[in-house]
Each structure stands twice: as C-alpha cells, then as structure tokens.
Amino acid sequence: MNDQRPRFEVRAHHTDSTVTVYQAYRPEIGRAAARHGRFTSSWSRERMTWIKRCS
C-alpha cells in the first residue's frame, strides 16, 4: 500500500448546501495577500480554475 500523499489533491469542507474548497498559493502570493489583506499584482485571476456544479 502506498502511504505517500498524492502530488495533487482537493481539500474541501461541505454541508448540505455549500462546498468550500481550499486553494493553495505559492508562498510569495500567500504572504503578500496576508500582509495586505487582499491579493496583490503577483496574483492573476486568469490562472484560476473554477469548480462547476454537476447538474
């Protein structure tokens, strides 16, 4: 049995009505966001992956 974690994984929390998915960022993006309380210019909306609801 392989006890290693997969290279990629989805971490999420769910209730009956919501799903919250946690996104990891490179350290320089995460630290700047935490310091400034928002994403800075090093973050790009163009690189985001959107999770879509299954019908």
N, C-alpha and C. Protein backbone atom coordinates (compact mmCIF):
# COMPACT_ATOMS: atom_id res chain seq x y z
N MET A 1 0.84 -1.19 0.00
CA MET A 1 0.00 0.00 0.00
C MET A 1 0.88 1.24 0.00
N ASN A 2 0.52 2.23 -0.76
CA ASN A 2 1.27 3.47 -0.88
C ASN A 2 0.79 4.47 0.18
N ASP A 3 1.66 4.80 1.14
CA ASP A 3 1.29 5.72 2.21
C ASP A 3 1.65 7.17 1.89
N GLN A 4 2.17 7.42 0.71
CA GLN A 4 2.52 8.78 0.33
C GLN A 4 1.28 9.54 -0.11
N ARG A 5 1.28 10.85 0.16
CA ARG A 5 0.17 11.69 -0.30
C ARG A 5 0.30 11.91 -1.80
N PRO A 6 -0.82 12.06 -2.48
CA PRO A 6 -0.76 12.33 -3.92
C PRO A 6 -0.15 13.70 -4.18
N ARG A 7 0.41 13.89 -5.35
CA ARG A 7 1.00 15.18 -5.69
C ARG A 7 -0.06 16.28 -5.70
N PHE A 8 -1.24 15.95 -6.20
CA PHE A 8 -2.34 16.91 -6.24
C PHE A 8 -3.52 16.31 -5.49
N GLU A 9 -4.22 17.14 -4.74
CA GLU A 9 -5.41 16.67 -4.06
C GLU A 9 -6.34 17.85 -3.84
N VAL A 10 -7.61 17.56 -3.67
CA VAL A 10 -8.61 18.59 -3.41
C VAL A 10 -8.97 18.53 -1.94
N ARG A 11 -8.87 19.66 -1.26
CA ARG A 11 -9.29 19.73 0.13
C ARG A 11 -10.52 20.61 0.20
N ALA A 12 -11.56 20.11 0.83
CA ALA A 12 -12.82 20.84 0.87
C ALA A 12 -13.60 20.48 2.13
N HIS A 13 -14.52 21.34 2.46
CA HIS A 13 -15.46 21.12 3.57
C HIS A 13 -16.84 21.30 2.98
N HIS A 14 -17.80 20.47 3.37
CA HIS A 14 -19.13 20.62 2.79
C HIS A 14 -20.22 20.49 3.84
N THR A 15 -21.34 21.12 3.54
CA THR A 15 -22.56 20.98 4.32
C THR A 15 -23.64 20.54 3.33
N ASP A 16 -24.88 20.50 3.77
CA ASP A 16 -25.97 20.15 2.86
C ASP A 16 -26.16 21.18 1.75
N SER A 17 -25.72 22.42 1.98
CA SER A 17 -25.99 23.47 0.99
C SER A 17 -24.75 24.16 0.43
N THR A 18 -23.56 23.90 0.96
CA THR A 18 -22.36 24.59 0.48
C THR A 18 -21.18 23.63 0.37
N VAL A 19 -20.22 24.04 -0.47
CA VAL A 19 -18.93 23.37 -0.55
C VAL A 19 -17.88 24.46 -0.51
N THR A 20 -16.94 24.36 0.42
CA THR A 20 -15.82 25.30 0.50
C THR A 20 -14.57 24.54 0.10
N VAL A 21 -13.89 25.01 -0.95
CA VAL A 21 -12.68 24.37 -1.45
C VAL A 21 -11.51 25.26 -1.09
N TYR A 22 -10.46 24.65 -0.57
CA TYR A 22 -9.28 25.39 -0.14
C TYR A 22 -8.25 25.42 -1.27
N GLN A 23 -7.75 26.60 -1.56
CA GLN A 23 -6.79 26.80 -2.64
C GLN A 23 -5.42 27.11 -2.07
N ALA A 24 -4.40 26.43 -2.53
CA ALA A 24 -3.03 26.72 -2.12
C ALA A 24 -2.40 27.68 -3.11
N TYR A 25 -1.58 28.57 -2.60
CA TYR A 25 -0.87 29.55 -3.43
C TYR A 25 0.62 29.45 -3.16
N ARG A 26 1.42 29.90 -4.11
CA ARG A 26 2.85 29.99 -3.88
C ARG A 26 3.08 30.87 -2.66
N PRO A 27 4.14 30.61 -1.88
CA PRO A 27 4.38 31.39 -0.66
C PRO A 27 4.39 32.90 -0.88
N GLU A 28 4.98 33.36 -1.96
CA GLU A 28 5.06 34.82 -2.17
C GLU A 28 3.67 35.43 -2.41
N ILE A 29 2.77 34.69 -3.00
CA ILE A 29 1.40 35.18 -3.21
C ILE A 29 0.63 35.16 -1.89
N GLY A 30 0.73 34.04 -1.16
CA GLY A 30 0.01 33.92 0.11
C GLY A 30 0.48 34.93 1.14
N ARG A 31 1.79 35.12 1.26
CA ARG A 31 2.32 36.08 2.24
C ARG A 31 1.90 37.51 1.91
N ALA A 32 1.97 37.88 0.63
CA ALA A 32 1.56 39.23 0.23
C ALA A 32 0.07 39.45 0.50
N ALA A 33 -0.75 38.45 0.22
CA ALA A 33 -2.19 38.56 0.48
C ALA A 33 -2.46 38.71 1.98
N ALA A 34 -1.77 37.93 2.80
CA ALA A 34 -1.96 38.02 4.25
C ALA A 34 -1.49 39.37 4.77
N ARG A 35 -0.40 39.87 4.24
CA ARG A 35 0.16 41.15 4.69
C ARG A 35 -0.74 42.31 4.31
N HIS A 36 -1.32 42.28 3.10
CA HIS A 36 -2.11 43.40 2.59
C HIS A 36 -3.61 43.22 2.73
N GLY A 37 -4.05 42.02 3.12
CA GLY A 37 -5.48 41.77 3.28
C GLY A 37 -6.21 41.63 1.95
N ARG A 38 -5.47 41.43 0.88
CA ARG A 38 -6.04 41.24 -0.46
C ARG A 38 -4.94 40.68 -1.35
N PHE A 39 -5.35 40.17 -2.51
CA PHE A 39 -4.35 39.70 -3.46
C PHE A 39 -3.66 40.90 -4.09
N THR A 40 -2.37 40.77 -4.32
CA THR A 40 -1.59 41.84 -4.95
C THR A 40 -1.38 41.51 -6.43
N SER A 41 -0.58 42.29 -7.10
CA SER A 41 -0.40 42.11 -8.55
C SER A 41 0.28 40.80 -8.93
N SER A 42 0.89 40.10 -7.97
CA SER A 42 1.51 38.81 -8.29
C SER A 42 0.48 37.71 -8.49
N TRP A 43 -0.78 37.97 -8.13
CA TRP A 43 -1.88 37.02 -8.30
C TRP A 43 -2.65 37.37 -9.56
N SER A 44 -3.07 36.37 -10.32
CA SER A 44 -3.78 36.62 -11.57
C SER A 44 -5.07 35.82 -11.62
N ARG A 45 -6.18 36.49 -11.84
CA ARG A 45 -7.47 35.83 -11.99
C ARG A 45 -7.47 34.93 -13.24
N GLU A 46 -6.63 35.23 -14.20
CA GLU A 46 -6.57 34.44 -15.43
C GLU A 46 -6.08 33.02 -15.19
N ARG A 47 -5.39 32.77 -14.08
CA ARG A 47 -4.83 31.44 -13.81
C ARG A 47 -5.72 30.63 -12.87
N MET A 48 -6.88 31.13 -12.51
CA MET A 48 -7.75 30.43 -11.59
C MET A 48 -8.48 29.27 -12.29
N THR A 49 -8.78 28.25 -11.53
CA THR A 49 -9.58 27.14 -12.01
C THR A 49 -10.92 27.20 -11.30
N TRP A 50 -11.98 27.24 -12.05
CA TRP A 50 -13.30 27.34 -11.45
C TRP A 50 -13.89 25.95 -11.29
N ILE A 51 -14.50 25.71 -10.16
CA ILE A 51 -15.15 24.45 -9.90
C ILE A 51 -16.62 24.62 -10.23
N LYS A 52 -17.13 23.75 -11.07
CA LYS A 52 -18.51 23.89 -11.53
C LYS A 52 -19.38 22.80 -10.91
N ARG A 53 -20.59 23.16 -10.66
CA ARG A 53 -21.57 22.25 -10.07
C ARG A 53 -22.00 21.19 -11.09
N CYS A 54 -22.11 19.97 -10.65
CA CYS A 54 -22.65 18.92 -11.51
C CYS A 54 -24.16 19.00 -11.46
N SER A 55 -24.80 18.93 -12.61
CA SER A 55 -26.26 19.00 -12.64
C SER A 55 -26.90 17.66 -12.46
